[in-house]
Each structure stands twice: as C-alpha cells, then as structure tokens.
Amino acid sequence: MSRSQQVRADDAANLAPYVAYLKQLRGLQKSFNANDPDDAATAAAHLDGAAYTALRSLVPLSDRRTAGTFFTSSALRSRLVQPYAERIGAGAVVLDPTCGAGDLLLAAAEVLPTAWSNAQVQTVVDQNFRGRDLYDVLAQVTRTRLELFVATRGQPEERHGSSLSGVSWPRLDVRKGDALGESTPYGSADIVLLNPPYTLRSCPAETSWATGLVSLAAVITLDAIRRSRAGTTVAAILPDVLRAGSRYAKWREEVNKLLDVNKVEVVGLFDRWTDVDVFILHGTVRADEKSDESGRGSSMIVGDIPSTSNTADSTVQVLGQVATISIGDVVPHRHDPSFVDKRTPNAVPYITTSNLPIGQSIRDVSESIEWSGRTHKAPFVVLRRTSAPSRGGARLAPSIVRATCGTLAVENHLIVVRPNDGLLKTCEQLAEYLVTSDVTEWLDQAIRTRHLTKRVLMQLPMRGSAGSAGLD
C-alpha cells in the first residue's frame, strides 16, 4: 500500500530512515550471485516480507500512518494479480500508481512463465511495467526489488553471475510521482493495480460524491478509473467501508457508471499489523459512462453479498420486513447525558452503551435526559452499532428493552430493532436468532466495517424458525 497523495513536501522526511534499507538492498544487488544459496535465500526474503519488516523497524508507526505506508502481503498481492497472469505474460502494460515498495509489481512479475529465460523476464518487466510513488525512496526500492527479482529467474546458466551493476534497464518506468498527478501514465496501461492509501483526507474541491474527510483510497481509485482508457482492467485492494459504508454510496454510484464490475472478493483483515478489513475489486473501464437509471449504483459493490434476491427460497423474509430498524438519535457530545430528574418537563428514560447490559432483558431504565426529539416505545431489541467482523463468537450483541420501560430516548451508538407485531415474545425470538452463526457469517460477508448500517441490517435474511413474519 502506498502513501498520501496530498502530503506536504517536507513530509518526505518521515521516511528518511528507510534510506538505510535501500542502501542495504543495493548492496545485495551489486554483489548478488544467483548461484550462491545464501544470496538466493537473502534475495527471496527481500522479495517477500523483509521490505515491510525493515519499514516497521526503521520508521515509527506515527510516521507510517502519516505517509500511508503499509505494504501488501505476498498472499494478498498474488490473489489480486493471479487472474491476469496470461495477459501479463502476453505483454499487457501494467501500472501501479501507488507502488510503495513494489509488492503489486512484484506479484505481476511472479506470474510470468517459470520456463522463461532470464532475458525474457527482464524484457517484459523493463518494457511493460510502470510504477509511481510520492516518495522517491520507495520508488527506488521498487525498482531495485524488481531488478533483483529478474536476477533470480531463469535457468542457472542464464542468470547473471556475480553482479547486476552492468545490467541495462532503459525503459523501466518506475519513479517518484503522484497518483493524482497529470504525468501518471493511465492512458497507456492495460492493467492498473491498486492498493492505495487508506488515510483520511479532505475531499478535493471538485468532488461531487462527498464532503469533508474521506478515504484517500476512494479518491485515487475513482480518479484512476476516470483517467484510464476503455477496456483497461482495474484491480484494487480497498477498505471495506467503500464497499458497504453508507457514506460511500454516491462514490459507488460514480464507480458503477464508469466501470463494469467483474468480481468482488471479501478478504477480511489486511494483515496482522493493520486492523482494517479489505476487499478486492476487479473491473473493466467502460467506453461510455453509464446512466444509473436502475438505481443499483449505490449497491453495485455490495451486490455479491448474501441476500434473499439471489436465493432459491423466495419465502425467506429479511429483517426489514418483520421489524422497524432505527439508529438512535441522541448524540452524547451534543447533549448532556447526566442524570435529569424524571419530574423535569421533557425528561425521558435514556439508554446508552454504558447503561444497557449486553444479552439481558431490562425492565427499568434509571437514567433520563431532557429530550424533545424522536423516542422509541418498548418493547424492542437493541444492538450495539459498533460491530467488528467476527474473530470468533457472535457478531451482534442484542439486549431487550421490555414494555415496562415505556418510551425512551436512545443514544446514536445503538440500533433499535422493533418487531412489527410489538410483542415481547417476538423480541426474545429475534434476540436469540441474531446471535446465531448464520447471522454472523452473513454479516461478515455483507459488511466488514466497524459500524453496522441500517441498510445492511434491513437485508439480513430471517432463516429457519425466524423466517416467518412472526418469528415463531
């Protein structure tokens, strides 16, 4: 993964310690002997995880976050690139506009036929691979790793002997550059590989699909699609919030107009050091912008999640058909959540993440708040809005608010699910169903962000005994 494309010029100092790794890599390059087992093993490490290990060792986490430098694992990079192996071997031009230390370009080189000679591999990499990175040191690491990779390929007698220093790379176009800059060669690429930075940045002035802070990954990906010619393949590793987050619905509409989405793969955690869930998007740039009269643009990326629309059982209902789903309205930092005497006008019982026990059925709420906005009549089920993808155990943690609690105000970190029949028995059945493995598995496919959305919950299939209107 690579960096912020709107970073200040002096931020390049954040990665200055990484120059030490570049020097180490170049030292190996100069003395490399492909027939030496020790050199071969060292090179293999540098072509895999050593570049990231060195980054984590040399550059503080705060600086890595500022720069957006989190590299792609060998397994994930291979998963992204493998579908295009045949085309890359046939001479497709490959561009990574946020190349970092070169992991995606290395993955592209790795799919070249193993039977090829060293010279054949070098020719393809030299002529057809393109890379840009905002940081010169990372672009140089990418270039050096690609050169080192080529030296390790081919039959032993075809490999370069004791040195790579005399090898000519006249056309290898890997250098410092901004993915959003005019000089990035999208127009000549056949395949654009992306793992852009996930950092938040202010929307560019011309942005029509959002305001305020947005993921830079969204900005770069949409820009890459717009600037690539028709027929270009775009394959991207992106944060799951772009796939399922309500905030990015308009972004998805824009992507849907410009790109034929061929496949969406839900991946899970980016890696064991980075607590971000990701997905892979595969698509082909259209010749003409598509109008979105169908209204499916906002869901084009989440179209592959489990849903009743693509199941053979047409009798299965969804949660939105058997219950009303609402996000709580009280924003704690805007309203004083301290205790208010219940005799005060407009004081209503108030439930929060702090005073609502998980997995229990409550009969009374002691806390109240001055509130004249929307309230919710018990009984109903309450869910925590924050729900990380499962690492074992149930994804949801329901509680039940009984009718004796009356009408309540609800904090906006909670979700109210009120069955249409208004019965406590239905609430109990619903709470039991929501902690089943079927629900957790479905949600892990549908949304892997840290906040549940009303839209996704409304699509949750009510299977088994929960499939009837009354959940009985």
Protein backbone atom coordinates (compact mmCIF):
# COMPACT_ATOMS: atom_id res chain seq x y z
CA MET A 1 0.00 0.00 0.00
CA SER A 2 1.28 3.46 -0.64
CA ARG A 3 1.02 6.90 0.64
CA SER A 4 -0.96 10.08 0.90
CA GLN A 5 -1.05 11.87 -2.43
CA GLN A 6 -1.68 15.21 -0.73
CA VAL A 7 1.23 15.11 1.67
CA ARG A 8 3.32 18.22 2.20
CA ALA A 9 6.76 18.25 0.55
CA ASP A 10 8.55 18.26 3.91
CA ASP A 11 6.69 15.09 4.94
CA ALA A 12 9.17 13.12 2.83
CA ALA A 13 11.41 13.34 5.90
CA ASN A 14 9.03 10.87 7.57
CA LEU A 15 10.54 8.07 5.51
CA ALA A 16 14.16 9.28 5.59
CA PRO A 17 15.25 6.37 7.86
CA TYR A 18 14.13 3.95 5.14
CA VAL A 19 17.06 5.05 3.01
CA ALA A 20 19.17 2.71 5.14
CA TYR A 21 17.14 -0.22 3.81
CA LEU A 22 17.54 0.99 0.22
CA LYS A 23 21.31 1.04 0.71
CA GLN A 24 21.22 -2.49 2.11
CA LEU A 25 19.18 -3.66 -0.86
CA ARG A 26 21.52 -2.05 -3.34
CA GLY A 27 24.49 -3.61 -1.59
CA LEU A 28 22.98 -7.03 -2.17
CA GLN A 29 22.20 -6.10 -5.76
CA LYS A 30 25.80 -5.19 -6.51
CA SER A 31 27.30 -8.37 -5.05
CA PHE A 32 24.48 -10.76 -5.90
CA ASN A 33 25.36 -14.19 -7.23
CA ALA A 34 22.27 -16.15 -8.24
CA ASN A 35 24.14 -19.45 -7.91
CA ASP A 36 25.09 -18.77 -4.28
CA PRO A 37 22.47 -20.39 -1.99
CA ASP A 38 22.96 -17.74 0.70
CA ASP A 39 22.48 -14.90 -1.78
CA ALA A 40 19.42 -16.66 -3.20
CA ALA A 41 17.86 -17.05 0.26
CA THR A 42 18.60 -13.41 1.16
CA ALA A 43 17.09 -12.22 -2.11
CA ALA A 44 13.95 -14.31 -1.51
CA ALA A 45 13.47 -12.61 1.85
CA HIS A 46 13.82 -9.15 0.32
CA LEU A 47 11.32 -10.06 -2.38
CA ASP A 48 8.82 -11.15 0.26
CA GLY A 49 8.35 -9.57 3.72
CA ALA A 50 11.77 -8.10 4.50
CA ALA A 51 10.92 -4.73 2.94
CA TYR A 52 7.95 -4.31 5.29
CA THR A 53 9.86 -5.64 8.29
CA ALA A 54 12.55 -3.03 7.66
CA LEU A 55 9.95 -0.29 7.34
CA ARG A 56 8.34 -1.19 10.66
CA SER A 57 11.77 -1.32 12.27
CA LEU A 58 13.15 1.91 10.85
CA VAL A 59 10.09 4.19 10.63
CA PRO A 60 7.85 4.94 13.65
CA LEU A 61 4.20 3.92 13.39
CA SER A 62 3.01 7.52 13.55
CA ASP A 63 5.13 8.42 10.52
CA ARG A 64 3.99 5.32 8.65
CA ARG A 65 0.38 6.31 9.27
CA THR A 66 1.00 9.86 8.11
CA ALA A 67 2.62 8.57 4.95
CA GLY A 68 0.13 5.72 4.49
CA THR A 69 2.91 3.14 4.15
CA PHE A 70 1.51 -0.33 4.76
CA PHE A 71 2.76 -2.88 2.24
CA THR A 72 0.82 -5.76 0.68
CA SER A 73 1.48 -9.33 1.84
CA SER A 74 2.65 -11.91 -0.70
CA ALA A 75 -0.59 -13.90 -0.36
CA LEU A 76 -2.84 -10.87 -0.88
CA ARG A 77 -0.81 -9.48 -3.77
CA SER A 78 -0.90 -12.85 -5.52
CA ARG A 79 -4.66 -13.07 -5.03
CA LEU A 80 -5.06 -9.69 -6.71
CA VAL A 81 -2.83 -10.38 -9.71
CA GLN A 82 -3.24 -14.09 -10.48
CA PRO A 83 -6.36 -13.68 -12.68
CA TYR A 84 -4.28 -11.61 -15.12
CA ALA A 85 -1.26 -13.93 -15.43
CA GLU A 86 -1.91 -14.87 -19.04
CA ARG A 87 -2.37 -11.26 -20.16
CA ILE A 88 0.75 -10.09 -18.34
CA GLY A 89 2.75 -12.86 -19.99
CA ALA A 90 1.32 -11.81 -23.36
CA GLY A 91 2.66 -8.28 -22.97
CA ALA A 92 -0.02 -6.26 -21.17
CA VAL A 93 1.26 -2.95 -19.81
CA VAL A 94 0.92 -2.94 -16.00
CA LEU A 95 0.72 0.24 -13.91
CA ASP A 96 0.75 0.66 -10.14
CA PRO A 97 0.22 4.40 -9.48
CA THR A 98 0.80 3.99 -5.71
CA CYS A 99 3.53 1.39 -5.86
CA GLY A 100 5.12 1.72 -2.41
CA ALA A 101 7.95 -0.82 -2.22
CA GLY A 102 6.67 -2.63 -5.32
CA ASP A 103 4.68 -5.54 -3.96
CA LEU A 104 1.98 -5.47 -6.65
CA LEU A 105 4.50 -5.11 -9.48
CA LEU A 106 6.47 -7.99 -7.98
CA ALA A 107 3.30 -10.05 -8.00
CA ALA A 108 2.89 -9.20 -11.68
CA ALA A 109 6.47 -10.34 -12.35
CA GLU A 110 5.93 -13.54 -10.37
CA VAL A 111 3.15 -14.72 -12.71
CA LEU A 112 5.43 -14.68 -15.75
CA PRO A 113 6.08 -18.22 -17.01
CA THR A 114 8.70 -20.08 -14.98
CA ALA A 115 10.07 -21.63 -18.16
CA TRP A 116 11.09 -18.24 -19.48
CA SER A 117 14.75 -17.29 -19.61
CA ASN A 118 16.18 -14.51 -17.52
CA ALA A 119 16.37 -12.33 -20.63
CA GLN A 120 12.67 -12.85 -21.43
CA VAL A 121 11.61 -11.89 -17.92
CA GLN A 122 13.83 -8.82 -17.98
CA THR A 123 12.43 -7.66 -21.33
CA VAL A 124 8.82 -7.82 -20.15
CA VAL A 125 9.50 -6.11 -16.82
CA ASP A 126 11.66 -3.43 -18.43
CA GLN A 127 9.24 -2.61 -21.23
CA ASN A 128 5.80 -3.17 -19.73
CA PHE A 129 5.92 -2.31 -16.01
CA ARG A 130 5.15 1.20 -14.72
CA GLY A 131 5.20 2.48 -11.15
CA ARG A 132 4.77 5.76 -9.30
CA ASP A 133 5.15 6.69 -5.67
CA LEU A 134 5.02 10.00 -3.88
CA TYR A 135 8.23 9.11 -2.03
CA ASP A 136 11.40 8.75 -4.08
CA VAL A 137 12.95 6.28 -1.62
CA LEU A 138 10.00 3.90 -2.11
CA ALA A 139 10.12 4.20 -5.89
CA GLN A 140 13.83 3.34 -5.75
CA VAL A 141 13.15 0.34 -3.50
CA THR A 142 10.52 -0.85 -6.00
CA ARG A 143 12.92 -0.55 -8.90
CA THR A 144 15.73 -2.34 -7.06
CA ARG A 145 13.47 -5.18 -5.92
CA LEU A 146 12.23 -5.71 -9.49
CA GLU A 147 15.81 -5.82 -10.75
CA LEU A 148 16.73 -8.28 -8.01
CA PHE A 149 13.72 -10.43 -8.87
CA VAL A 150 14.76 -10.66 -12.51
CA ALA A 151 18.22 -11.81 -11.46
CA THR A 152 16.69 -14.73 -9.56
CA ARG A 153 14.67 -16.01 -12.54
CA GLY A 154 15.61 -18.26 -15.44
CA GLN A 155 17.84 -21.29 -15.60
CA PRO A 156 21.08 -21.14 -13.53
CA GLU A 157 23.29 -20.84 -16.58
CA GLU A 158 21.15 -17.94 -17.84
CA ARG A 159 21.25 -15.87 -14.66
CA HIS A 160 23.61 -13.00 -14.21
CA GLY A 161 26.73 -14.14 -12.47
CA SER A 162 28.41 -12.03 -9.83
CA SER A 163 26.93 -8.60 -10.41
CA LEU A 164 23.83 -6.75 -11.61
CA SER A 165 25.59 -3.41 -11.82
CA GLY A 166 26.14 -3.67 -15.57
CA VAL A 167 22.60 -4.69 -16.48
CA SER A 168 20.77 -2.12 -18.61
CA TRP A 169 17.17 -1.11 -17.84
CA PRO A 170 16.50 1.55 -20.47
CA ARG A 171 12.68 1.57 -20.23
CA LEU A 172 11.79 0.57 -16.66
CA ASP A 173 9.43 3.43 -15.81
CA VAL A 174 9.34 3.32 -12.01
CA ARG A 175 9.91 6.66 -10.34
CA LYS A 176 8.67 9.34 -7.99
CA GLY A 177 5.25 10.64 -8.92
CA ASP A 178 1.76 11.50 -7.68
CA ALA A 179 -1.08 9.09 -8.50
CA LEU A 180 -3.33 12.14 -8.86
CA GLY A 181 -0.77 13.98 -10.97
CA GLU A 182 -1.13 14.54 -14.71
CA SER A 183 2.08 12.67 -15.54
CA THR A 184 0.89 9.29 -14.21
CA PRO A 185 0.51 7.19 -17.42
CA TYR A 186 -3.00 5.78 -17.02
CA GLY A 187 -3.67 6.17 -20.74
CA SER A 188 -1.03 3.63 -21.76
CA ALA A 189 -1.90 0.97 -19.17
CA ASP A 190 -3.74 -2.26 -19.92
CA ILE A 191 -3.94 -3.29 -16.26
CA VAL A 192 -4.00 -0.86 -13.32
CA LEU A 193 -3.10 -2.48 -9.98
CA LEU A 194 -4.05 -0.53 -6.88
CA ASN A 195 -3.59 -0.72 -3.15
CA PRO A 196 -3.94 2.99 -2.42
CA PRO A 197 -3.52 4.67 0.97
CA TYR A 198 -6.48 4.36 3.32
CA THR A 199 -5.77 7.58 5.21
CA LEU A 200 -8.49 10.22 5.54
CA ARG A 201 -8.09 13.46 3.63
CA SER A 202 -10.31 16.43 2.82
CA CYS A 203 -12.26 15.99 -0.39
CA PRO A 204 -10.75 17.72 -3.42
CA ALA A 205 -12.69 20.86 -4.33
CA GLU A 206 -14.23 19.25 -7.42
CA THR A 207 -15.56 16.19 -5.56
CA SER A 208 -19.29 15.68 -6.15
CA TRP A 209 -19.87 12.47 -4.18
CA ALA A 210 -18.88 13.57 -0.66
CA THR A 211 -17.78 16.44 1.54
CA GLY A 212 -15.37 16.69 4.44
CA LEU A 213 -12.94 13.89 5.23
CA VAL A 214 -12.94 10.80 3.01
CA SER A 215 -10.67 7.83 2.42
CA LEU A 216 -7.90 8.73 0.01
CA ALA A 217 -8.36 5.26 -1.44
CA ALA A 218 -11.76 6.33 -2.76
CA VAL A 219 -10.34 9.49 -4.36
CA ILE A 220 -7.41 7.73 -6.05
CA THR A 221 -9.42 4.73 -7.25
CA LEU A 222 -12.13 6.83 -8.87
CA ASP A 223 -9.52 9.11 -10.45
CA ALA A 224 -7.65 6.08 -11.84
CA ILE A 225 -10.85 4.71 -13.38
CA ARG A 226 -11.75 8.06 -14.94
CA ARG A 227 -8.30 8.53 -16.48
CA SER A 228 -7.85 5.00 -17.83
CA ARG A 229 -8.90 4.21 -21.38
CA ALA A 230 -11.83 1.98 -22.25
CA GLY A 231 -11.07 -1.70 -21.82
CA THR A 232 -8.45 -1.17 -19.12
CA THR A 233 -8.62 -3.61 -16.23
CA VAL A 234 -8.64 -2.09 -12.74
CA ALA A 235 -7.85 -4.44 -9.86
CA ALA A 236 -7.78 -2.83 -6.42
CA ILE A 237 -7.42 -3.77 -2.75
CA LEU A 238 -9.69 -1.36 -0.89
CA PRO A 239 -11.00 -0.77 2.64
CA ASP A 240 -14.37 -2.45 3.21
CA VAL A 241 -16.02 0.85 4.13
CA LEU A 242 -16.00 1.71 0.41
CA ARG A 243 -17.92 -1.48 -0.38
CA ALA A 244 -20.56 -1.29 2.33
CA GLY A 245 -20.42 2.06 4.13
CA SER A 246 -23.41 4.37 3.73
CA ARG A 247 -21.10 7.38 3.43
CA TYR A 248 -19.68 5.98 0.18
CA ALA A 249 -22.99 5.22 -1.58
CA LYS A 250 -22.52 8.11 -4.02
CA TRP A 251 -18.92 7.05 -4.63
CA ARG A 252 -20.19 3.59 -5.57
CA GLU A 253 -22.68 5.19 -7.94
CA GLU A 254 -19.83 7.02 -9.67
CA VAL A 255 -17.74 3.87 -9.95
CA ASN A 256 -20.73 1.94 -11.30
CA LYS A 257 -21.19 4.47 -14.09
CA LEU A 258 -17.59 4.11 -15.28
CA LEU A 259 -16.66 0.52 -14.52
CA ASP A 260 -18.10 -2.89 -15.32
CA VAL A 261 -17.58 -4.69 -12.03
CA ASN A 262 -16.47 -8.22 -12.86
CA LYS A 263 -15.91 -9.56 -9.37
CA VAL A 264 -15.81 -8.52 -5.72
CA GLU A 265 -13.86 -10.61 -3.21
CA VAL A 266 -14.33 -10.12 0.53
CA VAL A 267 -10.89 -10.67 2.10
CA GLY A 268 -11.00 -9.79 5.80
CA LEU A 269 -8.11 -8.25 7.71
CA PHE A 270 -5.47 -6.53 5.58
CA ASP A 271 -2.73 -8.10 7.68
CA ARG A 272 -1.96 -8.93 11.30
CA TRP A 273 -0.48 -5.49 11.96
CA THR A 274 -3.22 -3.43 10.31
CA ASP A 275 -6.70 -3.57 11.82
CA VAL A 276 -8.57 -2.79 8.60
CA ASP A 277 -10.80 -5.19 6.68
CA VAL A 278 -10.47 -5.07 2.92
CA PHE A 279 -11.99 -6.38 -0.30
CA ILE A 280 -10.70 -6.83 -3.84
CA LEU A 281 -12.47 -5.09 -6.72
CA HIS A 282 -11.98 -6.36 -10.30
CA GLY A 283 -13.45 -4.31 -13.13
CA THR A 284 -13.16 -3.12 -16.72
CA VAL A 285 -13.37 0.54 -17.71
CA ARG A 286 -16.36 1.27 -19.95
CA ALA A 287 -16.21 3.05 -23.29
CA ASP A 288 -19.10 5.33 -22.32
CA GLU A 289 -20.37 6.50 -18.96
CA LYS A 290 -23.44 4.52 -17.96
CA SER A 291 -26.52 6.24 -16.65
CA ASP A 292 -27.76 4.79 -13.40
CA GLU A 293 -31.49 4.71 -14.06
CA SER A 294 -31.72 1.27 -12.45
CA GLY A 295 -30.84 2.76 -9.07
CA ARG A 296 -28.41 -0.05 -8.32
CA GLY A 297 -25.30 2.14 -8.38
CA SER A 298 -25.16 2.54 -4.62
CA SER A 299 -25.12 -1.21 -4.19
CA MET A 300 -23.03 -2.32 -7.16
CA ILE A 301 -20.10 -3.30 -4.98
CA VAL A 302 -22.20 -4.98 -2.31
CA GLY A 303 -24.19 -6.84 -4.96
CA ASP A 304 -22.39 -10.10 -4.22
CA ILE A 305 -23.30 -10.24 -0.52
CA PRO A 306 -25.77 -12.93 0.57
CA SER A 307 -29.32 -11.73 0.07
CA THR A 308 -32.79 -13.10 -0.48
CA SER A 309 -32.76 -11.74 -4.02
CA ASN A 310 -30.33 -14.41 -5.15
CA THR A 311 -31.55 -17.34 -3.10
CA ALA A 312 -33.80 -20.11 -4.41
CA ASP A 313 -36.08 -19.81 -1.39
CA SER A 314 -38.37 -16.90 -2.24
CA THR A 315 -40.24 -17.31 1.05
CA VAL A 316 -37.30 -16.12 3.15
CA GLN A 317 -38.00 -12.69 4.55
CA VAL A 318 -35.50 -10.06 5.59
CA LEU A 319 -35.25 -8.21 8.88
CA GLY A 320 -36.56 -5.00 7.31
CA GLN A 321 -39.85 -6.79 6.52
CA VAL A 322 -40.54 -8.03 10.04
CA ALA A 323 -39.22 -5.11 12.09
CA THR A 324 -38.61 -1.38 12.08
CA ILE A 325 -34.89 -0.55 12.31
CA SER A 326 -33.72 2.82 13.63
CA ILE A 327 -30.40 4.37 14.62
CA GLY A 328 -30.56 6.16 17.98
CA ASP A 329 -30.90 9.94 17.76
CA VAL A 330 -29.11 11.28 20.84
CA VAL A 331 -25.52 12.36 20.10
CA PRO A 332 -23.76 12.30 23.51
CA HIS A 333 -21.30 15.15 22.91
CA ARG A 334 -24.16 17.40 21.78
CA HIS A 335 -26.50 16.58 24.65
CA ASP A 336 -25.69 16.41 28.34
CA PRO A 337 -26.15 12.74 29.27
CA SER A 338 -26.02 13.42 33.01
CA PHE A 339 -28.92 12.38 35.22
CA VAL A 340 -32.05 14.51 34.94
CA ASP A 341 -34.87 14.35 37.47
CA LYS A 342 -37.73 12.44 35.83
CA ARG A 343 -40.16 15.10 37.03
CA THR A 344 -38.47 17.68 34.80
CA PRO A 345 -40.55 18.55 31.70
CA ASN A 346 -39.36 16.68 28.58
CA ALA A 347 -37.29 14.27 30.69
CA VAL A 348 -37.46 10.76 29.23
CA PRO A 349 -35.71 7.49 30.08
CA TYR A 350 -32.44 7.27 28.17
CA ILE A 351 -30.47 4.18 27.14
CA THR A 352 -26.79 4.26 26.22
CA THR A 353 -23.99 1.79 25.58
CA SER A 354 -22.97 2.31 29.19
CA ASN A 355 -26.24 1.62 30.97
CA LEU A 356 -27.57 -1.17 28.73
CA PRO A 357 -26.29 -4.64 29.74
CA ILE A 358 -25.48 -6.91 26.81
CA GLY A 359 -27.56 -10.05 26.47
CA GLN A 360 -30.08 -9.13 29.14
CA SER A 361 -33.73 -8.16 29.25
CA ILE A 362 -34.27 -4.94 31.24
CA ARG A 363 -37.46 -3.75 32.94
CA ASP A 364 -36.41 -0.27 34.07
CA VAL A 365 -34.03 2.49 32.99
CA SER A 366 -32.72 4.75 35.76
CA GLU A 367 -31.09 7.41 33.59
CA SER A 368 -33.12 10.20 31.96
CA ILE A 369 -32.36 13.07 29.63
CA GLU A 370 -34.02 16.31 28.53
CA TRP A 371 -35.13 15.33 25.05
CA SER A 372 -37.80 16.52 22.63
CA GLY A 373 -36.70 14.51 19.61
CA ARG A 374 -37.71 11.07 18.40
CA THR A 375 -38.33 8.40 21.03
CA HIS A 376 -38.92 4.65 20.85
CA LYS A 377 -41.72 2.70 22.50
CA ALA A 378 -40.72 -0.56 24.18
CA PRO A 379 -40.59 -3.49 23.81
CA PHE A 380 -37.74 -3.68 21.30
CA VAL A 381 -34.31 -5.22 20.73
CA VAL A 382 -31.21 -3.04 20.96
CA LEU A 383 -27.92 -3.68 19.13
CA ARG A 384 -24.53 -2.03 19.52
CA ARG A 385 -23.82 -0.09 16.35
CA THR A 386 -20.12 -0.86 16.64
CA SER A 387 -19.62 -4.43 15.49
CA ALA A 388 -16.20 -5.56 14.30
CA PRO A 389 -16.02 -8.52 11.91
CA SER A 390 -16.01 -11.71 13.91
CA ARG A 391 -12.76 -13.12 15.19
CA GLY A 392 -14.74 -15.87 16.84
CA GLY A 393 -18.12 -15.64 18.54
CA ALA A 394 -21.29 -13.81 17.57
CA ARG A 395 -21.09 -10.57 15.60
CA LEU A 396 -24.12 -9.00 17.29
CA ALA A 397 -24.78 -8.39 20.98
CA PRO A 398 -28.53 -7.83 21.46
CA SER A 399 -30.34 -6.63 24.55
CA ILE A 400 -34.09 -6.46 25.13
CA VAL A 401 -35.94 -3.42 26.47
CA ARG A 402 -39.26 -4.54 27.96
CA ALA A 403 -42.58 -2.66 27.78
CA THR A 404 -42.27 -1.58 31.43
CA CYS A 405 -39.52 0.85 30.35
CA GLY A 406 -42.06 2.92 28.44
CA THR A 407 -40.96 5.32 25.75
CA LEU A 408 -37.23 6.07 25.59
CA ALA A 409 -34.57 8.23 24.03
CA VAL A 410 -31.69 6.22 22.51
CA GLU A 411 -28.02 7.07 22.07
CA ASN A 412 -26.80 7.13 18.45
CA HIS A 413 -24.29 4.32 19.09
CA LEU A 414 -27.25 1.96 19.46
CA ILE A 415 -29.67 0.46 16.92
CA VAL A 416 -33.33 -0.15 17.78
CA VAL A 417 -35.00 -3.17 16.17
CA ARG A 418 -38.74 -3.15 16.95
CA PRO A 419 -40.78 -6.12 15.65
CA ASN A 420 -43.85 -5.13 13.70
CA ASP A 421 -46.16 -7.10 15.99
CA GLY A 422 -44.83 -5.26 19.08
CA LEU A 423 -44.64 -8.45 21.16
CA LEU A 424 -42.06 -9.28 23.83
CA LYS A 425 -42.06 -12.90 22.68
CA THR A 426 -41.04 -11.81 19.20
CA CYS A 427 -38.24 -9.67 20.67
CA GLU A 428 -36.93 -12.69 22.56
CA GLN A 429 -37.02 -14.89 19.45
CA LEU A 430 -35.33 -12.20 17.42
CA ALA A 431 -32.55 -11.67 20.01
CA GLU A 432 -31.91 -15.42 20.04
CA TYR A 433 -31.69 -15.56 16.25
CA LEU A 434 -29.34 -12.57 15.94
CA VAL A 435 -26.54 -14.36 17.80
CA THR A 436 -26.58 -17.46 15.59
CA SER A 437 -23.65 -18.42 13.39
CA ASP A 438 -25.79 -17.94 10.26
CA VAL A 439 -26.25 -14.27 11.09
CA THR A 440 -22.58 -13.75 11.90
CA GLU A 441 -21.45 -15.41 8.67
CA TRP A 442 -23.88 -13.38 6.60
CA LEU A 443 -22.82 -10.10 8.21
CA ASP A 444 -19.13 -10.90 7.73
CA GLN A 445 -19.81 -11.16 4.01
CA ALA A 446 -22.13 -8.17 3.89
CA ILE A 447 -20.17 -5.59 5.88
CA ARG A 448 -16.74 -5.70 7.48
CA THR A 449 -16.61 -2.13 8.73
CA ARG A 450 -16.67 -1.28 12.43
CA HIS A 451 -20.12 0.32 12.25
CA LEU A 452 -23.26 -1.51 11.19
CA THR A 453 -25.56 0.28 8.79
CA LYS A 454 -29.35 0.30 8.73
CA ARG A 455 -29.32 -0.59 5.03
CA VAL A 456 -27.37 -3.81 5.58
CA LEU A 457 -29.42 -4.87 8.61
CA MET A 458 -32.61 -4.43 6.63
CA GLN A 459 -31.31 -7.02 4.13
CA LEU A 460 -30.48 -9.61 6.82
CA PRO A 461 -32.29 -12.88 5.87
CA MET A 462 -34.60 -14.32 8.51
CA ARG A 463 -33.91 -18.03 8.03
CA GLY A 464 -35.10 -21.12 9.83
CA SER A 465 -37.67 -20.55 12.56
CA ALA A 466 -37.06 -16.83 12.22
CA GLY A 467 -38.23 -16.83 8.62
CA SER A 468 -41.93 -16.31 9.27
CA ALA A 469 -43.49 -12.93 9.79
CA GLY A 470 -43.97 -13.52 13.48
CA LEU A 471 -40.62 -15.24 14.05
CA ASP A 472 -42.46 -18.08 15.77
